[in-house]
Each structure stands twice: as C-alpha cells, then as structure tokens.
Amino acid sequence: MENDPSDDTPHNSHLPVPAAEEPPPERPYRVRHDGWTAERQNIFIESLAKTRCVRDASRMAGISWNSAYRHRKRSQAFADRWDLALRRSETTIGEVTWQRAVEGVEEDVWYHGKVVGQRTKYANDLLRLLYQHDTNGAGN
C-alpha cells in the first residue's frame, strides 16, 4: 500500500538533503617542461576566450584537451580563470545585432553555380530597431 496514511516508514521526500562534500585540497604535482607552464596556461585561457572551444584552445596551447580538463580539476585557480574567460567572451544579442546592422555580413555572390564575388549584406530592419530603441532618445 503505497499511499497508506498509517505507514510510519520515512519516504525519500522527507529525508534531509546530505551536505555538500568539501572539495579535495589542491595537490601539488610535478610541473613538466612540456606540460602546463604559465605561458601555456595563458595561451590556453586567451584562446578559450576568443574561440569558446576547449579543443581549439588546447590545440593552440599545444596541450591535449583531456589534459586541459584534468588540469582544471587539479587547479582551482586555473578553473577560475577558465570560467572567467568564458563569461567575458559571451557575445550579447545587442553586439550581434549591431554587427549585422552596421558592419554587415559578407555573403557569396553566385552566378551559374559558381561564386563570382562577395558582397556585404546589411540588416536594415535591425538598424531600424536599434534606431527606435536608442537609449539617448535619438530615435523618438
């Protein structure tokens, strides 16, 4: 009887939530000359901020992506820099809108099944929206 009110056995929904475990302390480990040097860490973090791709950033730093994830687990300072790089690299919708409206997007020009050139396509509708919602009131 699952819904018997006289049943005194505790149900999972009434059990206390276990406390979070303390993270393990950072273990000192041997720094290899071909491993995660300060220079490689900086290259990785800068590349991660630009590409938002761990594999690409690892390739640019000359380290495997598996090694990057292992190093992230070992070093809280590196993990914090990793997170910060990703947060700072997030592109906002406003930036993309501005870029498409004002700077345009390059697209190929096709003729008889072949690319014969390129042109810049501007998003005039987005530009109009930016103008109407200008925070300085210029669009009113």
N, C-alpha and C. Protein backbone atom coordinates (compact mmCIF):
# COMPACT_ATOMS: atom_id res chain seq x y z
N MET A 1 0.84 -1.18 0.00
CA MET A 1 0.00 0.00 0.00
C MET A 1 0.88 1.24 0.00
N GLU A 2 0.97 1.86 -1.11
CA GLU A 2 1.87 2.99 -1.24
C GLU A 2 1.35 4.24 -0.55
N ASN A 3 0.07 4.50 -0.55
CA ASN A 3 -0.49 5.74 -0.02
C ASN A 3 -1.18 5.53 1.33
N ASP A 4 -0.78 4.55 2.09
CA ASP A 4 -1.40 4.27 3.36
C ASP A 4 -0.96 5.33 4.39
N PRO A 5 -1.89 6.16 4.93
CA PRO A 5 -1.51 7.19 5.88
C PRO A 5 -0.99 6.64 7.20
N SER A 6 -1.29 5.39 7.52
CA SER A 6 -0.82 4.83 8.78
C SER A 6 0.61 4.30 8.67
N ASP A 7 1.15 4.33 7.48
CA ASP A 7 2.52 3.85 7.27
C ASP A 7 3.50 4.85 7.86
N ASP A 8 4.32 4.42 8.83
CA ASP A 8 5.26 5.30 9.52
C ASP A 8 6.67 5.27 8.93
N THR A 9 6.89 4.54 7.85
CA THR A 9 8.24 4.48 7.29
C THR A 9 8.53 5.79 6.56
N PRO A 10 9.75 6.30 6.71
CA PRO A 10 10.08 7.57 6.06
C PRO A 10 10.15 7.41 4.54
N HIS A 11 9.71 8.44 3.85
CA HIS A 11 9.77 8.47 2.40
C HIS A 11 10.96 9.33 2.00
N ASN A 12 11.45 9.14 0.82
CA ASN A 12 12.62 9.88 0.35
C ASN A 12 12.41 11.39 0.39
N SER A 13 11.18 11.86 0.19
CA SER A 13 10.94 13.30 0.15
C SER A 13 11.08 13.93 1.53
N HIS A 14 11.06 13.14 2.60
CA HIS A 14 11.17 13.66 3.96
C HIS A 14 12.59 13.56 4.52
N LEU A 15 13.48 12.91 3.81
CA LEU A 15 14.85 12.74 4.29
C LEU A 15 15.63 14.03 4.09
N PRO A 16 16.55 14.32 5.01
CA PRO A 16 17.35 15.54 4.85
C PRO A 16 18.29 15.43 3.65
N VAL A 17 18.57 16.57 3.05
CA VAL A 17 19.50 16.61 1.92
C VAL A 17 20.91 16.52 2.48
N PRO A 18 21.71 15.60 1.98
CA PRO A 18 23.08 15.49 2.51
C PRO A 18 23.88 16.75 2.19
N ALA A 19 24.77 17.09 3.10
CA ALA A 19 25.60 18.27 2.91
C ALA A 19 26.58 18.03 1.78
N ALA A 20 26.94 19.12 1.12
CA ALA A 20 27.90 19.02 0.03
C ALA A 20 29.26 18.65 0.59
N GLU A 21 29.95 17.82 -0.12
CA GLU A 21 31.27 17.42 0.32
C GLU A 21 32.26 18.55 0.05
N GLU A 22 33.23 18.65 0.93
CA GLU A 22 34.30 19.63 0.74
C GLU A 22 35.12 19.21 -0.47
N PRO A 23 35.50 20.17 -1.32
CA PRO A 23 36.33 19.78 -2.45
C PRO A 23 37.70 19.33 -1.95
N PRO A 24 38.31 18.39 -2.64
CA PRO A 24 39.63 17.94 -2.20
C PRO A 24 40.64 19.07 -2.32
N PRO A 25 41.59 19.13 -1.41
CA PRO A 25 42.60 20.20 -1.49
C PRO A 25 43.43 20.03 -2.76
N GLU A 26 43.95 21.15 -3.25
CA GLU A 26 44.79 21.08 -4.43
C GLU A 26 46.04 20.29 -4.11
N ARG A 27 46.33 19.34 -4.97
CA ARG A 27 47.51 18.51 -4.77
C ARG A 27 48.67 19.13 -5.54
N PRO A 28 49.77 19.30 -4.89
CA PRO A 28 50.94 19.75 -5.65
C PRO A 28 51.37 18.62 -6.58
N TYR A 29 51.69 18.96 -7.77
CA TYR A 29 52.16 17.94 -8.68
C TYR A 29 53.34 18.47 -9.47
N ARG A 30 54.08 17.56 -10.00
CA ARG A 30 55.31 17.89 -10.71
C ARG A 30 54.96 18.65 -11.99
N VAL A 31 55.59 19.80 -12.19
CA VAL A 31 55.38 20.57 -13.40
C VAL A 31 56.39 20.10 -14.43
N ARG A 32 55.88 19.64 -15.54
CA ARG A 32 56.75 19.15 -16.60
C ARG A 32 57.16 20.30 -17.51
N HIS A 33 58.33 20.19 -18.11
CA HIS A 33 58.78 21.25 -19.02
C HIS A 33 57.90 21.33 -20.25
N ASP A 34 57.24 20.23 -20.61
CA ASP A 34 56.34 20.24 -21.77
C ASP A 34 54.87 20.20 -21.34
N GLY A 35 54.60 20.52 -20.07
CA GLY A 35 53.24 20.47 -19.55
C GLY A 35 52.62 21.85 -19.42
N TRP A 36 51.87 22.04 -18.37
CA TRP A 36 51.09 23.26 -18.16
C TRP A 36 51.95 24.38 -17.57
N THR A 37 52.83 24.91 -18.38
CA THR A 37 53.64 26.04 -17.95
C THR A 37 52.74 27.28 -17.87
N ALA A 38 53.23 28.32 -17.22
CA ALA A 38 52.45 29.56 -17.12
C ALA A 38 52.15 30.11 -18.50
N GLU A 39 53.12 30.01 -19.41
CA GLU A 39 52.91 30.50 -20.78
C GLU A 39 51.81 29.72 -21.49
N ARG A 40 51.85 28.40 -21.35
CA ARG A 40 50.81 27.58 -21.99
C ARG A 40 49.43 27.85 -21.38
N GLN A 41 49.39 28.05 -20.08
CA GLN A 41 48.11 28.36 -19.44
C GLN A 41 47.56 29.68 -19.99
N ASN A 42 48.41 30.68 -20.14
CA ASN A 42 47.97 31.97 -20.67
C ASN A 42 47.48 31.84 -22.11
N ILE A 43 48.22 31.09 -22.92
CA ILE A 43 47.79 30.87 -24.31
C ILE A 43 46.43 30.18 -24.33
N PHE A 44 46.28 29.15 -23.49
CA PHE A 44 45.02 28.41 -23.44
C PHE A 44 43.87 29.34 -23.04
N ILE A 45 44.04 30.11 -21.98
CA ILE A 45 42.96 30.97 -21.48
C ILE A 45 42.61 32.04 -22.52
N GLU A 46 43.61 32.66 -23.13
CA GLU A 46 43.34 33.68 -24.16
C GLU A 46 42.62 33.07 -25.35
N SER A 47 43.05 31.89 -25.77
CA SER A 47 42.42 31.21 -26.90
C SER A 47 41.00 30.78 -26.56
N LEU A 48 40.80 30.32 -25.34
CA LEU A 48 39.47 29.92 -24.90
C LEU A 48 38.52 31.11 -24.92
N ALA A 49 39.00 32.26 -24.50
CA ALA A 49 38.17 33.47 -24.51
C ALA A 49 37.81 33.87 -25.93
N LYS A 50 38.70 33.63 -26.88
CA LYS A 50 38.43 34.01 -28.28
C LYS A 50 37.54 32.99 -28.98
N THR A 51 37.80 31.71 -28.75
CA THR A 51 37.11 30.67 -29.52
C THR A 51 35.93 30.03 -28.80
N ARG A 52 35.94 30.08 -27.47
CA ARG A 52 34.94 29.40 -26.64
C ARG A 52 34.92 27.89 -26.90
N CYS A 53 36.05 27.36 -27.35
CA CYS A 53 36.15 25.93 -27.68
C CYS A 53 37.39 25.36 -27.01
N VAL A 54 37.21 24.40 -26.11
CA VAL A 54 38.31 23.82 -25.36
C VAL A 54 39.29 23.11 -26.29
N ARG A 55 38.77 22.39 -27.27
CA ARG A 55 39.66 21.67 -28.19
C ARG A 55 40.53 22.63 -29.00
N ASP A 56 39.94 23.72 -29.50
CA ASP A 56 40.73 24.69 -30.26
C ASP A 56 41.75 25.38 -29.37
N ALA A 57 41.34 25.76 -28.17
CA ALA A 57 42.27 26.42 -27.25
C ALA A 57 43.40 25.48 -26.86
N SER A 58 43.10 24.22 -26.66
CA SER A 58 44.14 23.23 -26.32
C SER A 58 45.12 23.08 -27.47
N ARG A 59 44.58 23.02 -28.69
CA ARG A 59 45.45 22.87 -29.86
C ARG A 59 46.39 24.08 -29.96
N MET A 60 45.87 25.28 -29.71
CA MET A 60 46.70 26.48 -29.80
C MET A 60 47.77 26.51 -28.71
N ALA A 61 47.47 25.91 -27.56
CA ALA A 61 48.44 25.88 -26.46
C ALA A 61 49.39 24.69 -26.56
N GLY A 62 49.12 23.78 -27.50
CA GLY A 62 49.99 22.62 -27.66
C GLY A 62 49.79 21.57 -26.59
N ILE A 63 48.57 21.48 -26.07
CA ILE A 63 48.23 20.53 -25.00
C ILE A 63 46.95 19.80 -25.42
N SER A 64 46.80 18.55 -24.99
CA SER A 64 45.57 17.83 -25.33
C SER A 64 44.39 18.37 -24.55
N TRP A 65 43.20 18.24 -25.10
CA TRP A 65 42.01 18.74 -24.41
C TRP A 65 41.73 17.92 -23.16
N ASN A 66 42.11 16.64 -23.16
CA ASN A 66 41.95 15.82 -21.95
C ASN A 66 42.80 16.38 -20.82
N SER A 67 44.01 16.78 -21.18
CA SER A 67 44.91 17.36 -20.19
C SER A 67 44.34 18.66 -19.64
N ALA A 68 43.69 19.42 -20.48
CA ALA A 68 43.09 20.69 -20.03
C ALA A 68 42.04 20.43 -18.96
N TYR A 69 41.18 19.45 -19.19
CA TYR A 69 40.15 19.13 -18.20
C TYR A 69 40.77 18.57 -16.92
N ARG A 70 41.82 17.77 -17.03
CA ARG A 70 42.50 17.27 -15.82
C ARG A 70 43.12 18.41 -15.03
N HIS A 71 43.76 19.34 -15.75
CA HIS A 71 44.39 20.47 -15.07
C HIS A 71 43.34 21.35 -14.40
N ARG A 72 42.18 21.47 -15.03
CA ARG A 72 41.09 22.24 -14.44
C ARG A 72 40.64 21.62 -13.11
N LYS A 73 40.61 20.29 -13.05
CA LYS A 73 40.21 19.61 -11.80
C LYS A 73 41.27 19.78 -10.72
N ARG A 74 42.54 19.82 -11.12
CA ARG A 74 43.63 19.91 -10.14
C ARG A 74 43.84 21.31 -9.60
N SER A 75 43.60 22.32 -10.42
CA SER A 75 43.95 23.68 -10.03
C SER A 75 42.71 24.57 -10.00
N GLN A 76 42.31 24.99 -8.81
CA GLN A 76 41.14 25.87 -8.68
C GLN A 76 41.41 27.22 -9.33
N ALA A 77 42.64 27.70 -9.23
CA ALA A 77 42.98 29.00 -9.84
C ALA A 77 42.81 28.93 -11.35
N PHE A 78 43.24 27.83 -11.96
CA PHE A 78 43.09 27.65 -13.40
C PHE A 78 41.60 27.53 -13.76
N ALA A 79 40.86 26.79 -12.95
CA ALA A 79 39.42 26.64 -13.19
C ALA A 79 38.71 27.99 -13.11
N ASP A 80 39.12 28.83 -12.16
CA ASP A 80 38.52 30.17 -12.03
C ASP A 80 38.83 31.03 -13.26
N ARG A 81 40.07 30.97 -13.75
CA ARG A 81 40.44 31.73 -14.94
C ARG A 81 39.67 31.22 -16.16
N TRP A 82 39.48 29.92 -16.24
CA TRP A 82 38.73 29.28 -17.33
C TRP A 82 37.30 29.83 -17.34
N ASP A 83 36.65 29.78 -16.18
CA ASP A 83 35.27 30.28 -16.07
C ASP A 83 35.18 31.76 -16.42
N LEU A 84 36.13 32.54 -15.94
CA LEU A 84 36.14 33.97 -16.23
C LEU A 84 36.32 34.23 -17.72
N ALA A 85 37.18 33.47 -18.37
CA ALA A 85 37.39 33.63 -19.81
C ALA A 85 36.10 33.36 -20.58
N LEU A 86 35.37 32.34 -20.18
CA LEU A 86 34.11 32.02 -20.86
C LEU A 86 33.05 33.08 -20.60
N ARG A 87 32.99 33.57 -19.35
CA ARG A 87 32.00 34.62 -19.04
C ARG A 87 32.28 35.90 -19.81
N ARG A 88 33.52 36.26 -19.89
CA ARG A 88 33.88 37.52 -20.56
C ARG A 88 33.75 37.43 -22.07
N SER A 89 33.74 36.24 -22.61
CA SER A 89 33.68 36.10 -24.06
C SER A 89 32.26 35.97 -24.59
N GLU A 90 31.30 35.93 -23.71
CA GLU A 90 29.92 35.78 -24.17
C GLU A 90 29.51 36.99 -25.00
N THR A 91 28.98 36.71 -26.16
CA THR A 91 28.53 37.76 -27.05
C THR A 91 27.07 38.05 -26.74
N THR A 92 26.79 39.29 -26.54
CA THR A 92 25.40 39.64 -26.25
C THR A 92 24.62 39.80 -27.54
N ILE A 93 23.32 39.68 -27.43
CA ILE A 93 22.45 39.83 -28.58
C ILE A 93 22.58 41.24 -29.17
N GLY A 94 22.82 42.21 -28.31
CA GLY A 94 22.99 43.58 -28.79
C GLY A 94 24.23 43.74 -29.65
N GLU A 95 25.32 43.07 -29.28
CA GLU A 95 26.55 43.14 -30.07
C GLU A 95 26.35 42.51 -31.44
N VAL A 96 25.68 41.37 -31.49
CA VAL A 96 25.43 40.70 -32.76
C VAL A 96 24.50 41.55 -33.62
N THR A 97 23.47 42.13 -33.00
CA THR A 97 22.54 42.98 -33.74
C THR A 97 23.28 44.17 -34.34
N TRP A 98 24.10 44.81 -33.53
CA TRP A 98 24.88 45.96 -34.01
C TRP A 98 25.79 45.55 -35.17
N GLN A 99 26.47 44.43 -35.02
CA GLN A 99 27.39 43.99 -36.06
C GLN A 99 26.66 43.73 -37.37
N ARG A 100 25.55 43.02 -37.32
CA ARG A 100 24.81 42.72 -38.54
C ARG A 100 24.18 43.96 -39.17
N ALA A 101 23.73 44.87 -38.32
CA ALA A 101 23.07 46.07 -38.84
C ALA A 101 24.06 47.09 -39.39
N VAL A 102 25.15 47.32 -38.69
CA VAL A 102 26.06 48.39 -39.06
C VAL A 102 27.25 47.90 -39.88
N GLU A 103 27.86 46.79 -39.46
CA GLU A 103 29.03 46.29 -40.17
C GLU A 103 28.66 45.35 -41.31
N GLY A 104 27.50 44.73 -41.21
CA GLY A 104 27.04 43.83 -42.27
C GLY A 104 27.66 42.45 -42.17
N VAL A 105 27.20 41.57 -43.04
CA VAL A 105 27.68 40.20 -43.10
C VAL A 105 28.09 39.92 -44.54
N GLU A 106 29.29 39.37 -44.71
CA GLU A 106 29.76 39.02 -46.04
C GLU A 106 29.03 37.77 -46.53
N GLU A 107 28.58 37.83 -47.78
CA GLU A 107 27.97 36.64 -48.36
C GLU A 107 28.45 36.49 -49.80
N ASP A 108 28.48 35.26 -50.27
CA ASP A 108 28.95 34.97 -51.62
C ASP A 108 27.91 35.40 -52.66
N VAL A 109 28.41 35.80 -53.83
CA VAL A 109 27.55 36.10 -54.98
C VAL A 109 27.75 34.96 -55.97
N TRP A 110 26.65 34.30 -56.29
CA TRP A 110 26.69 33.14 -57.17
C TRP A 110 26.18 33.50 -58.56
N TYR A 111 26.80 32.92 -59.60
CA TYR A 111 26.35 33.09 -60.97
C TYR A 111 26.62 31.79 -61.71
N HIS A 112 25.59 31.19 -62.23
CA HIS A 112 25.67 29.91 -62.94
C HIS A 112 26.38 28.84 -62.12
N GLY A 113 26.05 28.77 -60.84
CA GLY A 113 26.57 27.72 -59.97
C GLY A 113 27.98 27.94 -59.45
N LYS A 114 28.55 29.14 -59.71
CA LYS A 114 29.90 29.42 -59.24
C LYS A 114 29.92 30.73 -58.45
N VAL A 115 30.79 30.78 -57.46
CA VAL A 115 30.96 32.00 -56.70
C VAL A 115 31.79 32.96 -57.55
N VAL A 116 31.21 34.14 -57.82
CA VAL A 116 31.90 35.12 -58.66
C VAL A 116 32.33 36.36 -57.88
N GLY A 117 31.97 36.42 -56.61
CA GLY A 117 32.36 37.55 -55.80
C GLY A 117 31.71 37.50 -54.44
N GLN A 118 31.87 38.59 -53.71
CA GLN A 118 31.24 38.72 -52.39
C GLN A 118 30.62 40.09 -52.28
N ARG A 119 29.62 40.17 -51.41
CA ARG A 119 29.02 41.46 -51.11
C ARG A 119 28.70 41.51 -49.63
N THR A 120 28.53 42.70 -49.13
CA THR A 120 28.18 42.89 -47.74
C THR A 120 26.68 43.11 -47.66
N LYS A 121 26.02 42.31 -46.86
CA LYS A 121 24.58 42.44 -46.68
C LYS A 121 24.33 43.06 -45.31
N TYR A 122 23.59 44.15 -45.29
CA TYR A 122 23.27 44.85 -44.05
C TYR A 122 21.85 44.51 -43.65
N ALA A 123 21.62 44.40 -42.35
CA ALA A 123 20.29 44.08 -41.83
C ALA A 123 19.58 45.40 -41.51
N ASN A 124 18.92 45.96 -42.51
CA ASN A 124 18.27 47.26 -42.35
C ASN A 124 17.15 47.23 -41.31
N ASP A 125 16.45 46.12 -41.20
CA ASP A 125 15.40 46.02 -40.18
C ASP A 125 15.99 46.12 -38.78
N LEU A 126 17.14 45.47 -38.57
CA LEU A 126 17.79 45.55 -37.27
C LEU A 126 18.29 46.97 -37.00
N LEU A 127 18.79 47.62 -38.03
CA LEU A 127 19.25 49.00 -37.87
C LEU A 127 18.09 49.91 -37.47
N ARG A 128 16.94 49.70 -38.06
CA ARG A 128 15.76 50.49 -37.71
C ARG A 128 15.37 50.24 -36.25
N LEU A 129 15.42 48.99 -35.82
CA LEU A 129 15.10 48.68 -34.42
C LEU A 129 16.09 49.33 -33.48
N LEU A 130 17.38 49.30 -33.82
CA LEU A 130 18.39 49.96 -32.99
C LEU A 130 18.12 51.45 -32.90
N TYR A 131 17.75 52.04 -34.01
CA TYR A 131 17.47 53.47 -34.05
C TYR A 131 16.26 53.81 -33.18
N GLN A 132 15.22 52.99 -33.26
CA GLN A 132 14.00 53.25 -32.49
C GLN A 132 14.22 53.07 -30.99
N HIS A 133 15.12 52.19 -30.61
CA HIS A 133 15.34 51.90 -29.20
C HIS A 133 16.63 52.54 -28.66
N ASP A 134 17.09 53.55 -29.35
CA ASP A 134 18.30 54.24 -28.92
C ASP A 134 18.11 54.78 -27.51
N THR A 135 19.04 54.46 -26.64
CA THR A 135 18.90 54.90 -25.24
C THR A 135 19.05 56.40 -25.07
N ASN A 136 19.61 57.09 -26.05
CA ASN A 136 19.76 58.53 -25.97
C ASN A 136 18.50 59.26 -26.43
N GLY A 137 17.52 58.53 -26.90
CA GLY A 137 16.27 59.15 -27.33
C GLY A 137 16.33 59.71 -28.74
N ALA A 138 17.41 59.42 -29.47
CA ALA A 138 17.53 59.96 -30.82
C ALA A 138 16.50 59.34 -31.77
N GLY A 139 16.00 58.16 -31.44
CA GLY A 139 15.05 57.51 -32.32
C GLY A 139 13.62 57.93 -32.09
N ASN A 140 13.35 58.79 -31.15
CA ASN A 140 11.97 59.18 -30.85
C ASN A 140 11.52 60.35 -31.68
